[in-house]
Amino acid sequence: MDIISKIIIAIDGYSSCGKSTMAKTLAKAIGYIYIDSGAMYRAVALYCIKNQLIRENPIDLEKLKQLLPSICIGFKSNATGESETYLNGINVERDIRSLDVAQAASLVSAIPFVREAMVKLQQHMGQSKGIVMDGRDIGTVVFPHAELKIFVTASPEIRAKRRFAEMAAVNHNITFEEVLANVIERDNRDTQRKASPLRKADDALVLDNSYLSIDEQFQWLLNAYQNTIHTTQQWS
């Protein structure tokens, strides 16, 4: 693929919409690099939990600000070509997917200096284009000039059902009610936070995948990508 064809694809939306899965699939299909921005905040949250910076609700902001420069977050491909998250050289892909880390990540992601540090890192990763990145503010803050912006949504109940099926496989004590409450709580935090709240970019395409199959969703994404590439080349 030539340089002129490479674009930045920003996928934003609510939690448990399957943004990461669709971003990974699309990136693999078109030969782009996938970057999981949400995993970066989860990695910071995991660091906070392991280092006892989170006690009940308050976060030790001064200590976190002091330690943040020493937190190294990166991505490496495993044997099957899937991207996995590393925190200070340790694979934490499984650890960051727990409910505790998800709740902590929602708190951590609302801290302005944490978001500033992660945004700088994300923007550095996207300098060469040819990337697909998903998160909460990719199209509004990280890459406001991304050529293709997608905003994904689905009802809280459907998202909780998906999340519950995923989590119940590793935690048999979790209940659907707990997961639904977590989804609703995260929605409120993500949309009401002062630092880069979740919102749809004015020029983003909306994808409601509540009742779409995986194949239908992929075809929708591929069509959006191909249309954008066609338009970009026309104006180049």
C-alpha atoms as a PDB file:
ATOM      1  CA  MET A   1       0.000   0.000   0.000  1.00  0.00           C
ATOM      2  CA  ASP A   2       1.571   3.350  -0.982  1.00  0.00           C
ATOM      3  CA  ILE A   3       2.133   6.207   1.438  1.00  0.00           C
ATOM      4  CA  ILE A   4      -0.612   8.380  -0.051  1.00  0.00           C
ATOM      5  CA  SER A   5      -3.196   5.691   0.698  1.00  0.00           C
ATOM      6  CA  LYS A   6      -2.396   5.432   4.389  1.00  0.00           C
ATOM      7  CA  ILE A   7      -4.863   7.068   6.738  1.00  0.00           C
ATOM      8  CA  ILE A   8      -5.654   7.178  10.440  1.00  0.00           C
ATOM      9  CA  ILE A   9      -8.815   5.350  11.497  1.00  0.00           C
ATOM     10  CA  ALA A  10     -10.227   6.512  14.836  1.00  0.00           C
ATOM     11  CA  ILE A  11     -12.860   4.308  16.464  1.00  0.00           C
ATOM     12  CA  ASP A  12     -14.613   5.741  19.534  1.00  0.00           C
ATOM     13  CA  GLY A  13     -17.657   4.655  21.474  1.00  0.00           C
ATOM     14  CA  TYR A  14     -19.118   3.252  24.646  1.00  0.00           C
ATOM     15  CA  SER A  15     -17.541   0.464  26.672  1.00  0.00           C
ATOM     16  CA  SER A  16     -18.219  -3.161  25.691  1.00  0.00           C
ATOM     17  CA  CYS A  17     -19.293  -2.265  22.149  1.00  0.00           C
ATOM     18  CA  GLY A  18     -16.621  -4.515  20.729  1.00  0.00           C
ATOM     19  CA  LYS A  19     -14.477  -1.602  19.520  1.00  0.00           C
ATOM     20  CA  SER A  20     -11.206  -3.425  20.151  1.00  0.00           C
ATOM     21  CA  THR A  21     -12.329  -6.568  18.301  1.00  0.00           C
ATOM     22  CA  MET A  22     -13.545  -4.651  15.266  1.00  0.00           C
ATOM     23  CA  ALA A  23     -10.428  -2.453  15.238  1.00  0.00           C
ATOM     24  CA  LYS A  24      -8.148  -5.498  15.397  1.00  0.00           C
ATOM     25  CA  THR A  25     -10.055  -7.266  12.635  1.00  0.00           C
ATOM     26  CA  LEU A  26     -10.099  -4.242  10.353  1.00  0.00           C
ATOM     27  CA  ALA A  27      -6.419  -3.479  10.928  1.00  0.00           C
ATOM     28  CA  LYS A  28      -5.439  -7.043  10.094  1.00  0.00           C
ATOM     29  CA  ALA A  29      -7.580  -7.085   6.940  1.00  0.00           C
ATOM     30  CA  ILE A  30      -6.139  -3.862   5.499  1.00  0.00           C
ATOM     31  CA  GLY A  31      -2.568  -4.293   6.745  1.00  0.00           C
ATOM     32  CA  TYR A  32      -2.644  -1.491   9.309  1.00  0.00           C
ATOM     33  CA  ILE A  33      -1.212  -1.365  12.844  1.00  0.00           C
ATOM     34  CA  TYR A  34      -3.740  -1.744  15.681  1.00  0.00           C
ATOM     35  CA  ILE A  35      -3.304   0.305  18.881  1.00  0.00           C
ATOM     36  CA  ASP A  36      -5.560  -0.356  21.877  1.00  0.00           C
ATOM     37  CA  SER A  37      -5.694   2.999  23.683  1.00  0.00           C
ATOM     38  CA  GLY A  38      -8.047   1.635  26.337  1.00  0.00           C
ATOM     39  CA  ALA A  39      -5.450  -0.968  27.271  1.00  0.00           C
ATOM     40  CA  MET A  40      -3.028   1.858  27.992  1.00  0.00           C
ATOM     41  CA  TYR A  41      -5.341   3.346  30.624  1.00  0.00           C
ATOM     42  CA  ARG A  42      -6.026  -0.120  32.002  1.00  0.00           C
ATOM     43  CA  ALA A  43      -2.277  -0.660  32.320  1.00  0.00           C
ATOM     44  CA  VAL A  44      -1.939   2.556  34.325  1.00  0.00           C
ATOM     45  CA  ALA A  45      -4.891   1.449  36.474  1.00  0.00           C
ATOM     46  CA  LEU A  46      -3.275  -1.947  37.077  1.00  0.00           C
ATOM     47  CA  TYR A  47      -0.063  -0.185  38.099  1.00  0.00           C
ATOM     48  CA  CYS A  48      -2.063   1.945  40.563  1.00  0.00           C
ATOM     49  CA  ILE A  49      -3.743  -1.122  42.062  1.00  0.00           C
ATOM     50  CA  LYS A  50      -0.506  -3.082  42.407  1.00  0.00           C
ATOM     51  CA  ASN A  51       1.258  -0.120  43.989  1.00  0.00           C
ATOM     52  CA  GLN A  52      -1.649   0.717  46.300  1.00  0.00           C
ATOM     53  CA  LEU A  53      -2.268   4.133  44.803  1.00  0.00           C
ATOM     54  CA  ILE A  54      -6.006   3.447  44.806  1.00  0.00           C
ATOM     55  CA  ARG A  55      -7.619   3.057  48.211  1.00  0.00           C
ATOM     56  CA  GLU A  56     -11.358   2.568  47.974  1.00  0.00           C
ATOM     57  CA  ASN A  57     -12.160   5.536  45.679  1.00  0.00           C
ATOM     58  CA  PRO A  58      -9.539   8.291  46.070  1.00  0.00           C
ATOM     59  CA  ILE A  59      -6.350   8.025  44.029  1.00  0.00           C
ATOM     60  CA  ASP A  60      -3.041   9.271  45.402  1.00  0.00           C
ATOM     61  CA  LEU A  61      -2.638  11.866  42.668  1.00  0.00           C
ATOM     62  CA  GLU A  62       0.653  13.300  43.883  1.00  0.00           C
ATOM     63  CA  LYS A  63       2.328   9.913  44.011  1.00  0.00           C
ATOM     64  CA  LEU A  64       0.860   8.871  40.661  1.00  0.00           C
ATOM     65  CA  LYS A  65       2.095  12.088  39.057  1.00  0.00           C
ATOM     66  CA  GLN A  66       5.531  11.413  40.478  1.00  0.00           C
ATOM     67  CA  LEU A  67       5.609   7.785  39.279  1.00  0.00           C
ATOM     68  CA  LEU A  68       3.903   8.200  35.894  1.00  0.00           C
ATOM     69  CA  PRO A  69       7.141   8.900  33.949  1.00  0.00           C
ATOM     70  CA  SER A  70       8.468   5.515  35.109  1.00  0.00           C
ATOM     71  CA  ILE A  71       5.458   3.629  33.699  1.00  0.00           C
ATOM     72  CA  CYS A  72       6.376   2.077  30.355  1.00  0.00           C
ATOM     73  CA  ILE A  73       3.493   0.830  28.193  1.00  0.00           C
ATOM     74  CA  GLY A  74       3.957  -0.991  24.919  1.00  0.00           C
ATOM     75  CA  PHE A  75       2.423  -3.553  22.579  1.00  0.00           C
ATOM     76  CA  LYS A  76       3.911  -6.751  21.173  1.00  0.00           C
ATOM     77  CA  SER A  77       2.453  -9.345  18.830  1.00  0.00           C
ATOM     78  CA  ASN A  78       2.078 -12.884  20.144  1.00  0.00           C
ATOM     79  CA  ALA A  79       2.603 -16.110  18.187  1.00  0.00           C
ATOM     80  CA  THR A  80      -0.793 -15.761  16.493  1.00  0.00           C
ATOM     81  CA  GLY A  81      -0.190 -12.156  15.473  1.00  0.00           C
ATOM     82  CA  GLU A  82      -2.472 -10.668  18.132  1.00  0.00           C
ATOM     83  CA  SER A  83      -1.336  -7.491  19.897  1.00  0.00           C
ATOM     84  CA  GLU A  84      -0.787  -7.834  23.658  1.00  0.00           C
ATOM     85  CA  THR A  85      -0.189  -5.171  26.286  1.00  0.00           C
ATOM     86  CA  TYR A  86       3.051  -4.903  28.241  1.00  0.00           C
ATOM     87  CA  LEU A  87       3.559  -2.898  31.428  1.00  0.00           C
ATOM     88  CA  ASN A  88       7.201  -2.249  32.294  1.00  0.00           C
ATOM     89  CA  GLY A  89       8.247  -5.232  30.212  1.00  0.00           C
ATOM     90  CA  ILE A  90       5.658  -7.664  31.632  1.00  0.00           C
ATOM     91  CA  ASN A  91       2.740  -9.082  29.651  1.00  0.00           C
ATOM     92  CA  VAL A  92      -0.410  -7.874  31.444  1.00  0.00           C
ATOM     93  CA  GLU A  93      -2.977  -8.564  28.702  1.00  0.00           C
ATOM     94  CA  ARG A  94      -4.983 -10.965  30.889  1.00  0.00           C
ATOM     95  CA  ASP A  95      -4.621  -8.928  34.102  1.00  0.00           C
ATOM     96  CA  ILE A  96      -5.989  -5.695  32.612  1.00  0.00           C
ATOM     97  CA  ARG A  97      -9.254  -7.346  31.519  1.00  0.00           C
ATOM     98  CA  SER A  98     -10.622  -7.866  35.061  1.00  0.00           C
ATOM     99  CA  LEU A  99     -13.630  -5.972  36.409  1.00  0.00           C
ATOM    100  CA  ASP A 100     -11.531  -4.329  39.148  1.00  0.00           C
ATOM    101  CA  VAL A 101      -9.103  -2.935  36.602  1.00  0.00           C
ATOM    102  CA  ALA A 102     -11.986  -1.812  34.358  1.00  0.00           C
ATOM    103  CA  GLN A 103     -13.478   0.176  37.237  1.00  0.00           C
ATOM    104  CA  ALA A 104     -10.100   1.640  38.180  1.00  0.00           C
ATOM    105  CA  ALA A 105      -9.366   2.525  34.547  1.00  0.00           C
ATOM    106  CA  SER A 106     -12.503   4.651  34.406  1.00  0.00           C
ATOM    107  CA  LEU A 107     -11.188   6.637  37.386  1.00  0.00           C
ATOM    108  CA  VAL A 108      -7.637   6.871  36.077  1.00  0.00           C
ATOM    109  CA  SER A 109      -8.724   7.945  32.586  1.00  0.00           C
ATOM    110  CA  ALA A 110     -10.499  10.975  34.063  1.00  0.00           C
ATOM    111  CA  ILE A 111      -7.240  12.389  35.493  1.00  0.00           C
ATOM    112  CA  PRO A 112      -6.029  15.244  33.232  1.00  0.00           C
ATOM    113  CA  PHE A 113      -2.274  14.634  33.583  1.00  0.00           C
ATOM    114  CA  VAL A 114      -2.708  10.907  32.864  1.00  0.00           C
ATOM    115  CA  ARG A 115      -4.729  11.654  29.732  1.00  0.00           C
ATOM    116  CA  GLU A 116      -2.155  14.212  28.614  1.00  0.00           C
ATOM    117  CA  ALA A 117       0.660  11.654  28.924  1.00  0.00           C
ATOM    118  CA  MET A 118      -1.297   8.914  27.118  1.00  0.00           C
ATOM    119  CA  VAL A 119      -2.428  11.259  24.324  1.00  0.00           C
ATOM    120  CA  LYS A 120       1.178  12.286  23.644  1.00  0.00           C
ATOM    121  CA  LEU A 121       2.190   8.631  23.479  1.00  0.00           C
ATOM    122  CA  GLN A 122      -0.727   7.768  21.180  1.00  0.00           C
ATOM    123  CA  GLN A 123       0.009  10.677  18.854  1.00  0.00           C
ATOM    124  CA  HIS A 124       3.630   9.580  18.639  1.00  0.00           C
ATOM    125  CA  MET A 125       2.477   6.084  17.675  1.00  0.00           C
ATOM    126  CA  GLY A 126       0.342   7.512  14.854  1.00  0.00           C
ATOM    127  CA  GLN A 127       2.902   9.784  13.210  1.00  0.00           C
ATOM    128  CA  SER A 128       3.390   7.472  10.224  1.00  0.00           C
ATOM    129  CA  LYS A 129      -0.373   6.886   9.768  1.00  0.00           C
ATOM    130  CA  GLY A 130      -1.546   3.464   8.661  1.00  0.00           C
ATOM    131  CA  ILE A 131      -3.067   2.787  12.093  1.00  0.00           C
ATOM    132  CA  VAL A 132      -6.409   1.840  13.603  1.00  0.00           C
ATOM    133  CA  MET A 133      -6.868   3.111  17.148  1.00  0.00           C
ATOM    134  CA  ASP A 134      -9.905   2.708  19.371  1.00  0.00           C
ATOM    135  CA  GLY A 135     -10.863   4.459  22.581  1.00  0.00           C
ATOM    136  CA  ARG A 136     -13.066   7.229  23.965  1.00  0.00           C
ATOM    137  CA  ASP A 137     -11.528  10.396  22.536  1.00  0.00           C
ATOM    138  CA  ILE A 138      -9.456   9.289  19.556  1.00  0.00           C
ATOM    139  CA  GLY A 139     -11.443  11.223  16.953  1.00  0.00           C
ATOM    140  CA  THR A 140     -12.055  14.267  19.158  1.00  0.00           C
ATOM    141  CA  VAL A 141      -8.744  14.765  20.991  1.00  0.00           C
ATOM    142  CA  VAL A 142      -5.973  12.381  19.940  1.00  0.00           C
ATOM    143  CA  PHE A 143      -6.497  12.562  16.160  1.00  0.00           C
ATOM    144  CA  PRO A 144      -9.064  15.304  15.450  1.00  0.00           C
ATOM    145  CA  HIS A 145      -7.923  15.319  11.814  1.00  0.00           C
ATOM    146  CA  ALA A 146      -8.201  11.552  11.294  1.00  0.00           C
ATOM    147  CA  GLU A 147      -9.455  10.765   7.805  1.00  0.00           C
ATOM    148  CA  LEU A 148     -11.970   8.197   9.062  1.00  0.00           C
ATOM    149  CA  LYS A 149     -13.800   8.520  12.377  1.00  0.00           C
ATOM    150  CA  ILE A 150     -16.300   5.953  13.620  1.00  0.00           C
ATOM    151  CA  PHE A 151     -18.492   6.202  16.720  1.00  0.00           C
ATOM    152  CA  VAL A 152     -19.815   2.854  17.987  1.00  0.00           C
ATOM    153  CA  THR A 153     -22.878   2.444  20.163  1.00  0.00           C
ATOM    154  CA  ALA A 154     -25.291  -0.208  21.488  1.00  0.00           C
ATOM    155  CA  SER A 155     -27.770  -0.371  24.370  1.00  0.00           C
ATOM    156  CA  PRO A 156     -26.346  -0.827  27.923  1.00  0.00           C
ATOM    157  CA  GLU A 157     -28.184  -4.144  28.279  1.00  0.00           C
ATOM    158  CA  ILE A 158     -26.738  -5.596  25.090  1.00  0.00           C
ATOM    159  CA  ARG A 159     -23.255  -4.400  26.001  1.00  0.00           C
ATOM    160  CA  ALA A 160     -23.563  -5.857  29.494  1.00  0.00           C
ATOM    161  CA  LYS A 161     -24.690  -9.188  28.037  1.00  0.00           C
ATOM    162  CA  ARG A 162     -21.609  -9.307  25.831  1.00  0.00           C
ATOM    163  CA  ARG A 163     -19.304  -8.322  28.686  1.00  0.00           C
ATOM    164  CA  PHE A 164     -20.899 -10.838  31.048  1.00  0.00           C
ATOM    165  CA  ALA A 165     -20.378 -13.700  28.605  1.00  0.00           C
ATOM    166  CA  GLU A 166     -16.724 -12.726  28.317  1.00  0.00           C
ATOM    167  CA  MET A 167     -16.091 -12.337  32.035  1.00  0.00           C
ATOM    168  CA  ALA A 168     -18.123 -15.330  33.250  1.00  0.00           C
ATOM    169  CA  ALA A 169     -15.671 -17.615  31.480  1.00  0.00           C
ATOM    170  CA  VAL A 170     -12.938 -16.621  33.935  1.00  0.00           C
ATOM    171  CA  ASN A 171     -14.985 -15.481  36.948  1.00  0.00           C
ATOM    172  CA  HIS A 172     -17.891 -17.783  37.801  1.00  0.00           C
ATOM    173  CA  ASN A 173     -18.975 -15.575  40.723  1.00  0.00           C
ATOM    174  CA  ILE A 174     -19.731 -12.511  38.624  1.00  0.00           C
ATOM    175  CA  THR A 175     -23.409 -11.686  38.021  1.00  0.00           C
ATOM    176  CA  PHE A 176     -25.105  -9.997  35.078  1.00  0.00           C
ATOM    177  CA  GLU A 177     -26.471  -7.319  37.415  1.00  0.00           C
ATOM    178  CA  GLU A 178     -22.929  -6.426  38.532  1.00  0.00           C
ATOM    179  CA  VAL A 179     -21.720  -6.163  34.961  1.00  0.00           C
ATOM    180  CA  LEU A 180     -24.716  -4.051  33.889  1.00  0.00           C
ATOM    181  CA  ALA A 181     -24.179  -1.697  36.840  1.00  0.00           C
ATOM    182  CA  ASN A 182     -20.510  -1.382  35.872  1.00  0.00           C
ATOM    183  CA  VAL A 183     -21.403  -0.607  32.238  1.00  0.00           C
ATOM    184  CA  ILE A 184     -23.856   2.118  33.280  1.00  0.00           C
ATOM    185  CA  GLU A 185     -21.396   3.561  35.801  1.00  0.00           C
ATOM    186  CA  ARG A 186     -18.640   3.684  33.185  1.00  0.00           C
ATOM    187  CA  ASP A 187     -20.968   5.367  30.689  1.00  0.00           C
ATOM    188  CA  ASN A 188     -21.704   8.102  33.234  1.00  0.00           C
ATOM    189  CA  ARG A 189     -18.054   8.598  34.094  1.00  0.00           C
ATOM    190  CA  ASP A 190     -16.916   8.583  30.483  1.00  0.00           C
ATOM    191  CA  THR A 191     -19.522  11.097  29.308  1.00  0.00           C
ATOM    192  CA  GLN A 192     -19.437  13.387  32.354  1.00  0.00           C
ATOM    193  CA  ARG A 193     -15.698  13.588  33.063  1.00  0.00           C
ATOM    194  CA  LYS A 194     -14.089  17.005  32.660  1.00  0.00           C
ATOM    195  CA  ALA A 195     -11.023  15.721  30.804  1.00  0.00           C
ATOM    196  CA  SER A 196     -11.868  14.687  27.235  1.00  0.00           C
ATOM    197  CA  PRO A 197     -15.409  13.339  27.811  1.00  0.00           C
ATOM    198  CA  LEU A 198     -16.774  10.669  25.505  1.00  0.00           C
ATOM    199  CA  ARG A 199     -18.659  12.290  22.638  1.00  0.00           C
ATOM    200  CA  LYS A 200     -19.168  11.756  18.944  1.00  0.00           C
ATOM    201  CA  ALA A 201     -17.001  13.853  16.664  1.00  0.00           C
ATOM    202  CA  ASP A 202     -19.096  16.006  14.335  1.00  0.00           C
ATOM    203  CA  ASP A 203     -17.726  14.210  11.261  1.00  0.00           C
ATOM    204  CA  ALA A 204     -17.827  10.670  12.688  1.00  0.00           C
ATOM    205  CA  LEU A 205     -19.882   7.881  11.142  1.00  0.00           C
ATOM    206  CA  VAL A 206     -22.218   6.218  13.658  1.00  0.00           C
ATOM    207  CA  LEU A 207     -22.227   2.432  13.889  1.00  0.00           C
ATOM    208  CA  ASP A 208     -24.966   0.932  16.056  1.00  0.00           C
ATOM    209  CA  ASN A 209     -23.972  -2.721  16.233  1.00  0.00           C
ATOM    210  CA  SER A 210     -26.718  -3.828  18.632  1.00  0.00           C
ATOM    211  CA  TYR A 211     -28.160  -6.300  16.149  1.00  0.00           C
ATOM    212  CA  LEU A 212     -25.406  -6.693  13.578  1.00  0.00           C
ATOM    213  CA  SER A 213     -23.579  -9.966  13.034  1.00  0.00           C
ATOM    214  CA  ILE A 214     -19.788  -9.987  13.094  1.00  0.00           C
ATOM    215  CA  ASP A 215     -19.739 -10.337   9.292  1.00  0.00           C
ATOM    216  CA  GLU A 216     -22.205  -7.476   8.784  1.00  0.00           C
ATOM    217  CA  GLN A 217     -20.211  -5.260  11.106  1.00  0.00           C
ATOM    218  CA  PHE A 218     -16.944  -6.035   9.329  1.00  0.00           C
ATOM    219  CA  GLN A 219     -18.462  -5.339   5.923  1.00  0.00           C
ATOM    220  CA  TRP A 220     -19.775  -1.987   7.202  1.00  0.00           C
ATOM    221  CA  LEU A 221     -16.286  -1.058   8.438  1.00  0.00           C
ATOM    222  CA  LEU A 222     -14.585  -2.221   5.243  1.00  0.00           C
ATOM    223  CA  ASN A 223     -17.000  -0.203   3.110  1.00  0.00           C
ATOM    224  CA  ALA A 224     -16.371   2.892   5.240  1.00  0.00           C
ATOM    225  CA  TYR A 225     -12.612   2.427   4.870  1.00  0.00           C
ATOM    226  CA  GLN A 226     -12.766   1.874   1.100  1.00  0.00           C
ATOM    227  CA  ASN A 227     -15.017   4.901   0.597  1.00  0.00           C
ATOM    228  CA  THR A 228     -12.632   7.058   2.630  1.00  0.00           C
ATOM    229  CA  ILE A 229      -9.582   5.822   0.723  1.00  0.00           C
ATOM    230  CA  HIS A 230     -11.371   6.546  -2.578  1.00  0.00           C
ATOM    231  CA  THR A 231     -12.246  10.085  -1.440  1.00  0.00           C
ATOM    232  CA  THR A 232      -8.729  10.698  -0.106  1.00  0.00           C
ATOM    233  CA  GLN A 233      -7.128   9.649  -3.368  1.00  0.00           C
ATOM    234  CA  GLN A 234      -9.465  11.859  -5.363  1.00  0.00           C
ATOM    235  CA  TRP A 235      -8.332  14.893  -3.374  1.00  0.00           C
ATOM    236  CA  SER A 236      -4.624  13.988  -3.399  1.00  0.00           C
END
